[in-house]
C-alpha atoms as a PDB file:
ATOM      1  CA  MET A   1     -58.229 -31.624 168.038  1.00  0.00           C
ATOM      2  CA  THR A   2     -56.839 -33.483 171.056  1.00  0.00           C
ATOM      3  CA  ALA A   3     -53.621 -35.396 170.466  1.00  0.00           C
ATOM      4  CA  ARG A   4     -53.760 -39.083 171.210  1.00  0.00           C
ATOM      5  CA  VAL A   5     -51.538 -40.079 174.139  1.00  0.00           C
ATOM      6  CA  THR A   6     -49.723 -43.392 173.829  1.00  0.00           C
ATOM      7  CA  THR A   7     -47.973 -45.166 176.632  1.00  0.00           C
ATOM      8  CA  ARG A   8     -44.727 -46.894 175.833  1.00  0.00           C
ATOM      9  CA  PRO A   9     -44.475 -50.392 177.319  1.00  0.00           C
ATOM     10  CA  VAL A  10     -42.145 -50.694 180.299  1.00  0.00           C
ATOM     11  CA  GLY A  11     -39.275 -53.149 179.837  1.00  0.00           C
ATOM     12  CA  THR A  12     -37.013 -54.479 177.120  1.00  0.00           C
ATOM     13  CA  VAL A  13     -37.498 -57.143 174.470  1.00  0.00           C
ATOM     14  CA  THR A  14     -36.424 -60.647 175.509  1.00  0.00           C
ATOM     15  CA  ARG A  15     -34.977 -63.308 173.237  1.00  0.00           C
ATOM     16  CA  GLY A  16     -38.422 -64.841 173.067  1.00  0.00           C
ATOM     17  CA  THR A  17     -37.291 -68.462 172.980  1.00  0.00           C
ATOM     18  CA  THR A  18     -39.929 -70.882 174.183  1.00  0.00           C
ATOM     19  CA  ASN A  19     -41.009 -74.488 173.832  1.00  0.00           C
ATOM     20  CA  PRO A  20     -44.329 -76.263 174.326  1.00  0.00           C
ATOM     21  CA  ASN A  21     -44.796 -77.675 177.830  1.00  0.00           C
ATOM     22  CA  ARG A  22     -41.757 -75.799 179.118  1.00  0.00           C
ATOM     23  CA  LEU A  23     -43.573 -74.258 182.096  1.00  0.00           C
ATOM     24  CA  ARG A  24     -45.567 -77.299 183.160  1.00  0.00           C
ATOM     25  CA  ARG A  25     -43.933 -77.530 186.596  1.00  0.00           C
ATOM     26  CA  MET A  26     -44.646 -73.907 187.426  1.00  0.00           C
ATOM     27  CA  ASP A  27     -48.215 -74.147 186.084  1.00  0.00           C
ATOM     28  CA  ARG A  28     -49.032 -77.252 188.098  1.00  0.00           C
ATOM     29  CA  TRP A  29     -47.685 -75.636 191.259  1.00  0.00           C
ATOM     30  CA  ILE A  30     -49.755 -72.492 190.623  1.00  0.00           C
ATOM     31  CA  ALA A  31     -52.885 -74.568 190.077  1.00  0.00           C
ATOM     32  CA  ALA A  32     -52.255 -76.467 193.315  1.00  0.00           C
ATOM     33  CA  VAL A  33     -51.461 -73.544 195.613  1.00  0.00           C
ATOM     34  CA  HIS A  34     -53.475 -70.732 194.023  1.00  0.00           C
ATOM     35  CA  GLY A  35     -56.425 -72.602 192.557  1.00  0.00           C
ATOM     36  CA  ALA A  36     -58.724 -71.840 195.496  1.00  0.00           C
ATOM     37  CA  GLU A  37     -58.096 -68.090 195.136  1.00  0.00           C
ATOM     38  CA  LEU A  38     -58.883 -68.308 191.421  1.00  0.00           C
ATOM     39  CA  ARG A  39     -62.098 -70.239 192.062  1.00  0.00           C
ATOM     40  CA  ARG A  40     -63.336 -67.721 194.638  1.00  0.00           C
ATOM     41  CA  ALA A  41     -62.622 -64.614 192.557  1.00  0.00           C
ATOM     42  CA  ALA A  42     -65.426 -62.866 190.682  1.00  0.00           C
ATOM     43  CA  ASP A  43     -63.126 -62.312 187.697  1.00  0.00           C
ATOM     44  CA  PRO A  44     -60.074 -64.582 187.895  1.00  0.00           C
ATOM     45  CA  VAL A  45     -57.666 -62.970 185.434  1.00  0.00           C
ATOM     46  CA  ALA A  46     -54.147 -64.343 184.952  1.00  0.00           C
ATOM     47  CA  VAL A  47     -51.354 -62.655 182.987  1.00  0.00           C
ATOM     48  CA  ASP A  48     -48.644 -64.539 181.112  1.00  0.00           C
ATOM     49  CA  LEU A  49     -46.036 -61.791 181.003  1.00  0.00           C
ATOM     50  CA  GLY A  50     -43.398 -62.079 178.285  1.00  0.00           C
ATOM     51  CA  TYR A  51     -44.716 -65.258 176.687  1.00  0.00           C
ATOM     52  CA  GLY A  52     -42.197 -64.978 173.857  1.00  0.00           C
ATOM     53  CA  ALA A  53     -42.102 -65.593 170.137  1.00  0.00           C
ATOM     54  CA  ALA A  54     -44.886 -68.198 170.232  1.00  0.00           C
ATOM     55  CA  PRO A  55     -48.029 -68.260 172.399  1.00  0.00           C
ATOM     56  CA  TRP A  56     -47.716 -71.838 173.679  1.00  0.00           C
ATOM     57  CA  THR A  57     -47.188 -70.954 177.328  1.00  0.00           C
ATOM     58  CA  ALA A  58     -50.327 -68.776 177.473  1.00  0.00           C
ATOM     59  CA  VAL A  59     -52.426 -71.444 175.737  1.00  0.00           C
ATOM     60  CA  GLU A  60     -51.181 -74.086 178.164  1.00  0.00           C
ATOM     61  CA  LEU A  61     -51.671 -71.853 181.205  1.00  0.00           C
ATOM     62  CA  LEU A  62     -55.336 -71.392 180.337  1.00  0.00           C
ATOM     63  CA  GLY A  63     -55.896 -75.142 180.123  1.00  0.00           C
ATOM     64  CA  ARG A  64     -54.130 -75.852 183.401  1.00  0.00           C
ATOM     65  CA  LEU A  65     -55.887 -73.088 185.315  1.00  0.00           C
ATOM     66  CA  ARG A  66     -59.314 -74.022 183.994  1.00  0.00           C
ATOM     67  CA  ALA A  67     -58.802 -77.537 185.286  1.00  0.00           C
ATOM     68  CA  VAL A  68     -59.035 -76.066 188.811  1.00  0.00           C
ATOM     69  CA  ALA A  69     -60.864 -72.753 188.137  1.00  0.00           C
ATOM     70  CA  PRO A  70     -63.235 -73.056 185.155  1.00  0.00           C
ATOM     71  CA  ARG A  71     -63.871 -69.297 184.919  1.00  0.00           C
ATOM     72  CA  ALA A  72     -60.182 -68.335 184.726  1.00  0.00           C
ATOM     73  CA  ARG A  73     -59.087 -66.036 181.917  1.00  0.00           C
ATOM     74  CA  VAL A  74     -55.543 -65.581 180.587  1.00  0.00           C
ATOM     75  CA  VAL A  75     -54.063 -62.500 178.950  1.00  0.00           C
ATOM     76  CA  GLY A  76     -50.709 -62.928 177.252  1.00  0.00           C
ATOM     77  CA  VAL A  77     -48.641 -59.732 177.386  1.00  0.00           C
ATOM     78  CA  GLU A  78     -45.643 -59.136 175.110  1.00  0.00           C
ATOM     79  CA  ILE A  79     -43.488 -56.075 174.552  1.00  0.00           C
ATOM     80  CA  GLU A  80     -42.716 -56.983 170.920  1.00  0.00           C
ATOM     81  CA  PRO A  81     -45.688 -56.001 168.668  1.00  0.00           C
ATOM     82  CA  GLU A  82     -44.887 -58.620 166.033  1.00  0.00           C
ATOM     83  CA  ARG A  83     -45.202 -61.379 168.636  1.00  0.00           C
ATOM     84  CA  VAL A  84     -48.622 -60.088 169.665  1.00  0.00           C
ATOM     85  CA  ALA A  85     -49.778 -60.049 166.042  1.00  0.00           C
ATOM     86  CA  ALA A  86     -48.532 -63.612 165.555  1.00  0.00           C
ATOM     87  CA  ALA A  87     -50.440 -64.764 168.667  1.00  0.00           C
ATOM     88  CA  ARG A  88     -53.788 -63.153 167.806  1.00  0.00           C
ATOM     89  CA  PRO A  89     -55.028 -66.119 165.679  1.00  0.00           C
ATOM     90  CA  TYR A  90     -54.904 -68.224 168.856  1.00  0.00           C
ATOM     91  CA  GLU A  91     -57.324 -65.994 170.736  1.00  0.00           C
ATOM     92  CA  ARG A  92     -60.541 -67.590 171.902  1.00  0.00           C
ATOM     93  CA  GLU A  93     -62.961 -67.360 174.789  1.00  0.00           C
ATOM     94  CA  GLY A  94     -60.848 -66.799 177.890  1.00  0.00           C
ATOM     95  CA  LEU A  95     -57.600 -66.133 176.029  1.00  0.00           C
ATOM     96  CA  ALA A  96     -56.382 -62.767 174.687  1.00  0.00           C
ATOM     97  CA  PHE A  97     -53.070 -61.150 173.789  1.00  0.00           C
ATOM     98  CA  ARG A  98     -51.961 -57.573 174.453  1.00  0.00           C
ATOM     99  CA  HIS A  99     -48.971 -55.375 173.644  1.00  0.00           C
ATOM    100  CA  GLY A 100     -47.260 -54.211 176.820  1.00  0.00           C
ATOM    101  CA  GLY A 101     -44.704 -54.778 179.535  1.00  0.00           C
ATOM    102  CA  PHE A 102     -44.319 -54.371 183.280  1.00  0.00           C
ATOM    103  CA  GLU A 103     -47.165 -51.854 183.411  1.00  0.00           C
ATOM    104  CA  ILE A 104     -49.523 -54.845 182.777  1.00  0.00           C
ATOM    105  CA  PRO A 105     -52.026 -53.373 180.308  1.00  0.00           C
ATOM    106  CA  VAL A 106     -55.179 -55.112 181.529  1.00  0.00           C
ATOM    107  CA  PRO A 107     -58.196 -53.584 183.289  1.00  0.00           C
ATOM    108  CA  GLY A 108     -58.393 -54.010 187.024  1.00  0.00           C
ATOM    109  CA  ARG A 109     -56.036 -56.068 189.155  1.00  0.00           C
ATOM    110  CA  PRO A 110     -55.080 -59.565 187.960  1.00  0.00           C
ATOM    111  CA  LEU A 111     -55.144 -62.444 190.419  1.00  0.00           C
ATOM    112  CA  LEU A 112     -52.024 -63.957 188.884  1.00  0.00           C
ATOM    113  CA  ILE A 113     -48.986 -62.669 187.012  1.00  0.00           C
ATOM    114  CA  ARG A 114     -46.573 -65.293 185.736  1.00  0.00           C
ATOM    115  CA  ALA A 115     -43.188 -63.995 184.512  1.00  0.00           C
ATOM    116  CA  ALA A 116     -40.996 -66.919 183.486  1.00  0.00           C
ATOM    117  CA  ASN A 117     -37.522 -66.375 182.009  1.00  0.00           C
ATOM    118  CA  VAL A 118     -38.195 -62.634 181.721  1.00  0.00           C
ATOM    119  CA  LEU A 119     -35.858 -61.032 184.280  1.00  0.00           C
ATOM    120  CA  ARG A 120     -32.852 -63.213 183.489  1.00  0.00           C
ATOM    121  CA  GLN A 121     -31.513 -60.616 181.045  1.00  0.00           C
ATOM    122  CA  TYR A 122     -31.898 -57.740 183.538  1.00  0.00           C
ATOM    123  CA  ASP A 123     -29.349 -56.520 186.060  1.00  0.00           C
ATOM    124  CA  GLU A 124     -29.772 -57.804 189.605  1.00  0.00           C
ATOM    125  CA  GLY A 125     -30.256 -54.245 190.822  1.00  0.00           C
ATOM    126  CA  GLU A 126     -33.365 -53.868 188.670  1.00  0.00           C
ATOM    127  CA  VAL A 127     -35.215 -56.851 190.095  1.00  0.00           C
ATOM    128  CA  ALA A 128     -36.581 -55.231 193.266  1.00  0.00           C
ATOM    129  CA  GLY A 129     -38.087 -52.357 191.295  1.00  0.00           C
ATOM    130  CA  VAL A 130     -39.746 -54.719 188.815  1.00  0.00           C
ATOM    131  CA  TRP A 131     -41.110 -56.884 191.620  1.00  0.00           C
ATOM    132  CA  GLU A 132     -42.529 -53.828 193.385  1.00  0.00           C
ATOM    133  CA  ARG A 133     -44.171 -52.591 190.198  1.00  0.00           C
ATOM    134  CA  LEU A 134     -45.727 -55.960 189.393  1.00  0.00           C
ATOM    135  CA  CYS A 135     -46.872 -56.597 192.969  1.00  0.00           C
ATOM    136  CA  GLY A 136     -48.555 -53.202 192.851  1.00  0.00           C
ATOM    137  CA  ARG A 137     -50.713 -54.453 189.988  1.00  0.00           C
ATOM    138  CA  LEU A 138     -51.911 -57.582 191.813  1.00  0.00           C
ATOM    139  CA  ALA A 139     -55.373 -57.941 193.291  1.00  0.00           C
ATOM    140  CA  PRO A 140     -55.155 -56.734 196.910  1.00  0.00           C
ATOM    141  CA  ALA A 141     -55.620 -58.913 199.972  1.00  0.00           C
ATOM    142  CA  GLY A 142     -58.838 -58.689 201.942  1.00  0.00           C
ATOM    143  CA  GLY A 143     -62.095 -60.437 202.668  1.00  0.00           C
ATOM    144  CA  GLY A 144     -60.358 -63.716 203.431  1.00  0.00           C
ATOM    145  CA  SER A 145     -58.169 -63.556 200.326  1.00  0.00           C
ATOM    146  CA  ARG A 146     -54.370 -63.250 200.382  1.00  0.00           C
ATOM    147  CA  GLY A 147     -54.629 -61.317 197.146  1.00  0.00           C
ATOM    148  CA  GLY A 148     -52.968 -61.910 193.817  1.00  0.00           C
ATOM    149  CA  LEU A 149     -49.814 -63.895 193.169  1.00  0.00           C
ATOM    150  CA  LEU A 150     -46.711 -63.014 191.167  1.00  0.00           C
ATOM    151  CA  VAL A 151     -44.620 -66.028 190.150  1.00  0.00           C
ATOM    152  CA  GLU A 152     -41.218 -65.095 188.732  1.00  0.00           C
ATOM    153  CA  GLY A 153     -38.467 -67.536 187.890  1.00  0.00           C
ATOM    154  CA  THR A 154     -36.253 -69.355 185.431  1.00  0.00           C
ATOM    155  CA  CYS A 155     -36.198 -72.802 183.859  1.00  0.00           C
ATOM    156  CA  ASP A 156     -34.151 -74.747 181.349  1.00  0.00           C
ATOM    157  CA  GLU A 157     -35.151 -75.042 177.697  1.00  0.00           C
ATOM    158  CA  ILE A 158     -37.389 -78.087 178.133  1.00  0.00           C
ATOM    159  CA  GLY A 159     -38.629 -77.463 181.662  1.00  0.00           C
ATOM    160  CA  ARG A 160     -36.747 -80.182 183.537  1.00  0.00           C
ATOM    161  CA  ARG A 161     -35.330 -77.760 186.124  1.00  0.00           C
ATOM    162  CA  HIS A 162     -37.027 -74.671 187.433  1.00  0.00           C
ATOM    163  CA  VAL A 163     -36.695 -72.256 190.370  1.00  0.00           C
ATOM    164  CA  TRP A 164     -39.209 -69.506 191.080  1.00  0.00           C
ATOM    165  CA  VAL A 165     -40.120 -66.895 193.669  1.00  0.00           C
ATOM    166  CA  ALA A 166     -43.762 -66.413 194.670  1.00  0.00           C
ATOM    167  CA  LEU A 167     -44.778 -62.907 195.741  1.00  0.00           C
ATOM    168  CA  GLY A 168     -48.016 -61.430 197.031  1.00  0.00           C
ATOM    169  CA  PRO A 169     -49.125 -57.791 197.199  1.00  0.00           C
ATOM    170  CA  GLU A 170     -46.918 -57.477 200.300  1.00  0.00           C
ATOM    171  CA  GLY A 171     -43.769 -58.808 198.591  1.00  0.00           C
ATOM    172  CA  PRO A 172     -41.800 -62.086 198.389  1.00  0.00           C
ATOM    173  CA  ARG A 173     -43.211 -65.141 200.129  1.00  0.00           C
ATOM    174  CA  THR A 174     -41.461 -68.328 199.047  1.00  0.00           C
ATOM    175  CA  VAL A 175     -38.870 -69.898 196.737  1.00  0.00           C
ATOM    176  CA  THR A 176     -39.674 -73.187 194.992  1.00  0.00           C
ATOM    177  CA  PHE A 177     -37.160 -75.629 193.515  1.00  0.00           C
ATOM    178  CA  ALA A 178     -38.657 -78.095 191.015  1.00  0.00           C
ATOM    179  CA  THR A 179     -37.039 -80.778 188.879  1.00  0.00           C
ATOM    180  CA  ARG A 180     -37.534 -83.978 186.944  1.00  0.00           C
ATOM    181  CA  LEU A 181     -35.941 -86.249 189.488  1.00  0.00           C
ATOM    182  CA  GLY A 182     -34.494 -88.675 186.980  1.00  0.00           C
ATOM    183  CA  SER A 183     -32.342 -85.902 185.511  1.00  0.00           C
ATOM    184  CA  LEU A 184     -30.823 -84.819 188.832  1.00  0.00           C
ATOM    185  CA  GLU A 185     -27.297 -85.706 189.907  1.00  0.00           C
ATOM    186  CA  ARG A 186     -27.410 -83.463 192.982  1.00  0.00           C
ATOM    187  CA  PRO A 187     -29.792 -80.691 194.174  1.00  0.00           C
ATOM    188  CA  SER A 188     -27.219 -77.943 193.561  1.00  0.00           C
ATOM    189  CA  ASP A 189     -27.635 -78.676 189.830  1.00  0.00           C
ATOM    190  CA  LEU A 190     -30.611 -76.343 190.187  1.00  0.00           C
ATOM    191  CA  ALA A 191     -28.306 -73.411 190.983  1.00  0.00           C
ATOM    192  CA  GLU A 192     -27.969 -72.504 187.310  1.00  0.00           C
ATOM    193  CA  ARG A 193     -31.741 -71.901 187.216  1.00  0.00           C
ATOM    194  CA  LEU A 194     -31.943 -69.606 190.219  1.00  0.00           C
ATOM    195  CA  PRO A 195     -33.956 -66.455 189.432  1.00  0.00           C
ATOM    196  CA  LYS A 196     -32.088 -63.217 188.910  1.00  0.00           C
ATOM    197  CA  ALA A 197     -32.550 -62.097 192.511  1.00  0.00           C
ATOM    198  CA  LEU A 198     -30.548 -65.115 193.720  1.00  0.00           C
ATOM    199  CA  ILE A 199     -28.325 -66.432 190.954  1.00  0.00           C
ATOM    200  CA  HIS A 200     -25.402 -64.107 191.723  1.00  0.00           C
ATOM    201  CA  ARG A 201     -25.781 -64.817 195.453  1.00  0.00           C
ATOM    202  CA  ASN A 202     -24.776 -68.472 195.288  1.00  0.00           C
ATOM    203  CA  VAL A 203     -21.467 -67.704 196.985  1.00  0.00           C
ATOM    204  CA  PRO A 204     -20.133 -68.362 200.505  1.00  0.00           C
ATOM    205  CA  GLY A 205     -21.746 -66.113 203.085  1.00  0.00           C
ATOM    206  CA  GLU A 206     -25.113 -65.971 201.309  1.00  0.00           C
ATOM    207  CA  PRO A 207     -28.134 -67.952 202.587  1.00  0.00           C
ATOM    208  CA  VAL A 208     -28.943 -69.555 199.225  1.00  0.00           C
ATOM    209  CA  HIS A 209     -25.398 -70.945 199.035  1.00  0.00           C
ATOM    210  CA  ALA A 210     -25.752 -72.451 202.514  1.00  0.00           C
ATOM    211  CA  PHE A 211     -29.134 -73.903 201.582  1.00  0.00           C
ATOM    212  CA  LEU A 212     -27.836 -75.615 198.451  1.00  0.00           C
ATOM    213  CA  ARG A 213     -24.824 -76.900 200.397  1.00  0.00           C
ATOM    214  CA  ASP A 214     -27.109 -78.450 203.015  1.00  0.00           C
ATOM    215  CA  PHE A 215     -29.408 -79.774 200.283  1.00  0.00           C
ATOM    216  CA  ASP A 216     -26.484 -81.613 198.674  1.00  0.00           C
ATOM    217  CA  ARG A 217     -25.397 -83.012 202.041  1.00  0.00           C
ATOM    218  CA  ALA A 218     -28.885 -84.311 202.781  1.00  0.00           C
ATOM    219  CA  TRP A 219     -29.029 -85.815 199.274  1.00  0.00           C
ATOM    220  CA  ALA A 220     -25.729 -87.611 199.850  1.00  0.00           C
ATOM    221  CA  ALA A 221     -26.906 -88.905 203.219  1.00  0.00           C
ATOM    222  CA  ALA A 222     -30.083 -90.219 201.556  1.00  0.00           C
ATOM    223  CA  ALA A 223     -28.093 -92.237 198.997  1.00  0.00           C
ATOM    224  CA  PRO A 224     -29.270 -95.613 200.433  1.00  0.00           C
ATOM    225  CA  TYR A 225     -32.826 -94.658 199.436  1.00  0.00           C
ATOM    226  CA  ALA A 226     -31.775 -94.473 195.764  1.00  0.00           C
ATOM    227  CA  SER A 227     -32.327 -98.224 195.509  1.00  0.00           C
ATOM    228  CA  TYR A 228     -36.049 -97.441 195.896  1.00  0.00           C
ATOM    229  CA  GLY A 229     -35.916 -94.789 193.184  1.00  0.00           C
ATOM    230  CA  ALA A 230     -35.074 -91.103 192.838  1.00  0.00           C
ATOM    231  CA  ARG A 231     -38.430 -90.044 194.308  1.00  0.00           C
ATOM    232  CA  GLN A 232     -37.849 -91.888 197.564  1.00  0.00           C
ATOM    233  CA  ARG A 233     -34.384 -90.418 197.820  1.00  0.00           C
ATOM    234  CA  TRP A 234     -35.780 -86.907 197.245  1.00  0.00           C
ATOM    235  CA  LEU A 235     -38.510 -87.421 199.847  1.00  0.00           C
ATOM    236  CA  ARG A 236     -35.978 -88.468 202.467  1.00  0.00           C
ATOM    237  CA  THR A 237     -33.681 -85.589 201.509  1.00  0.00           C
ATOM    238  CA  VAL A 238     -36.375 -82.944 201.882  1.00  0.00           C
ATOM    239  CA  ARG A 239     -37.603 -84.441 205.145  1.00  0.00           C
ATOM    240  CA  ASP A 240     -34.076 -84.149 206.569  1.00  0.00           C
ATOM    241  CA  LEU A 241     -33.596 -80.678 205.099  1.00  0.00           C
ATOM    242  CA  ALA A 242     -36.774 -79.500 206.827  1.00  0.00           C
ATOM    243  CA  ALA A 243     -35.133 -80.054 210.205  1.00  0.00           C
ATOM    244  CA  ASP A 244     -32.920 -77.009 209.612  1.00  0.00           C
ATOM    245  CA  TRP A 245     -34.713 -74.958 206.942  1.00  0.00           C
ATOM    246  CA  PRO A 246     -38.275 -73.551 206.844  1.00  0.00           C
ATOM    247  CA  VAL A 247     -39.786 -75.902 204.268  1.00  0.00           C
ATOM    248  CA  MET A 248     -43.308 -74.631 203.574  1.00  0.00           C
ATOM    249  CA  ASP A 249     -44.946 -77.492 201.676  1.00  0.00           C
ATOM    250  CA  ARG A 250     -45.915 -81.087 202.390  1.00  0.00           C
ATOM    251  CA  PRO A 251     -44.898 -84.522 201.035  1.00  0.00           C
ATOM    252  CA  ALA A 252     -47.626 -84.390 198.379  1.00  0.00           C
ATOM    253  CA  ARG A 253     -45.655 -81.610 196.664  1.00  0.00           C
ATOM    254  CA  TRP A 254     -42.279 -83.194 197.405  1.00  0.00           C
ATOM    255  CA  ARG A 255     -43.409 -86.227 195.445  1.00  0.00           C
ATOM    256  CA  GLN A 256     -43.676 -83.965 192.392  1.00  0.00           C
ATOM    257  CA  GLY A 257     -39.958 -83.198 192.645  1.00  0.00           C
ATOM    258  CA  GLU A 258     -40.559 -79.893 194.438  1.00  0.00           C
ATOM    259  CA  VAL A 259     -39.592 -78.180 197.650  1.00  0.00           C
ATOM    260  CA  THR A 260     -40.747 -74.728 198.739  1.00  0.00           C
ATOM    261  CA  VAL A 261     -38.828 -72.650 201.292  1.00  0.00           C
ATOM    262  CA  ALA A 262     -39.689 -69.360 202.995  1.00  0.00           C
ATOM    263  CA  TRP A 263     -38.186 -66.397 201.137  1.00  0.00           C
ATOM    264  CA  GLU A 264     -36.802 -64.907 204.332  1.00  0.00           C
ATOM    265  CA  ALA A 265     -34.496 -67.892 204.762  1.00  0.00           C
ATOM    266  CA  LEU A 266     -32.878 -67.441 201.337  1.00  0.00           C
ATOM    267  CA  ALA A 267     -33.106 -63.659 200.872  1.00  0.00           C
ATOM    268  CA  PRO A 268     -29.805 -62.037 199.852  1.00  0.00           C
ATOM    269  CA  VAL A 269     -27.608 -60.492 202.510  1.00  0.00           C
ATOM    270  CA  ARG A 270     -27.817 -56.726 202.021  1.00  0.00           C
END
């Protein structure tokens, strides 16, 4: 009789705290920038990695992706078996839940892996290895496709402030800062939501510190635009910031309270 081999999930259990609609900013950005890749794919599979104690984020991700890619499927992956069991009643066509971790226990190569508020509890030195492992599970580039996308970041409890890194099969691409503009006193308020790879680097001499410093200065200089509303002030701020930093997106995304910058400009000093 052959013994059954079981694979232990890779990673550690998170706190699992979550709230409905918490990841809306990240989801909308994914739909906007990655929707075309999802539409073109023969089997557009997305993974909600570490969805937590309740399955809301996976349920919401499916709805938001299907708005731009009707054939998209979502697999929620959790390292805590009890959380998977609790999520199973929510399964339906296009939505499933699996026990697992960073090994990503789904067939084939997913076109999207979203890992929100997962790496915050890990040591900074572990992040590169996790990123490499997850990027290795993404759909490869080729045939006009840039391949799969890993989106990893952190947000506050109700999703007002969020910062994430987008990575492809080749590694990190961009960093996006997103906020509800009415809640913002200054752009550096977002520093407390920097992902693990950057949060300990917000110190003098590091690029992310210089970026947030310049962001605050541009925000202060744009103060006269506040009379037209926080959105107009943000638009002017980002336009000025783009003169010195490699801003990768356009005003249509800025209007959403976002700005995306090339990873290379903010990458930690080694």
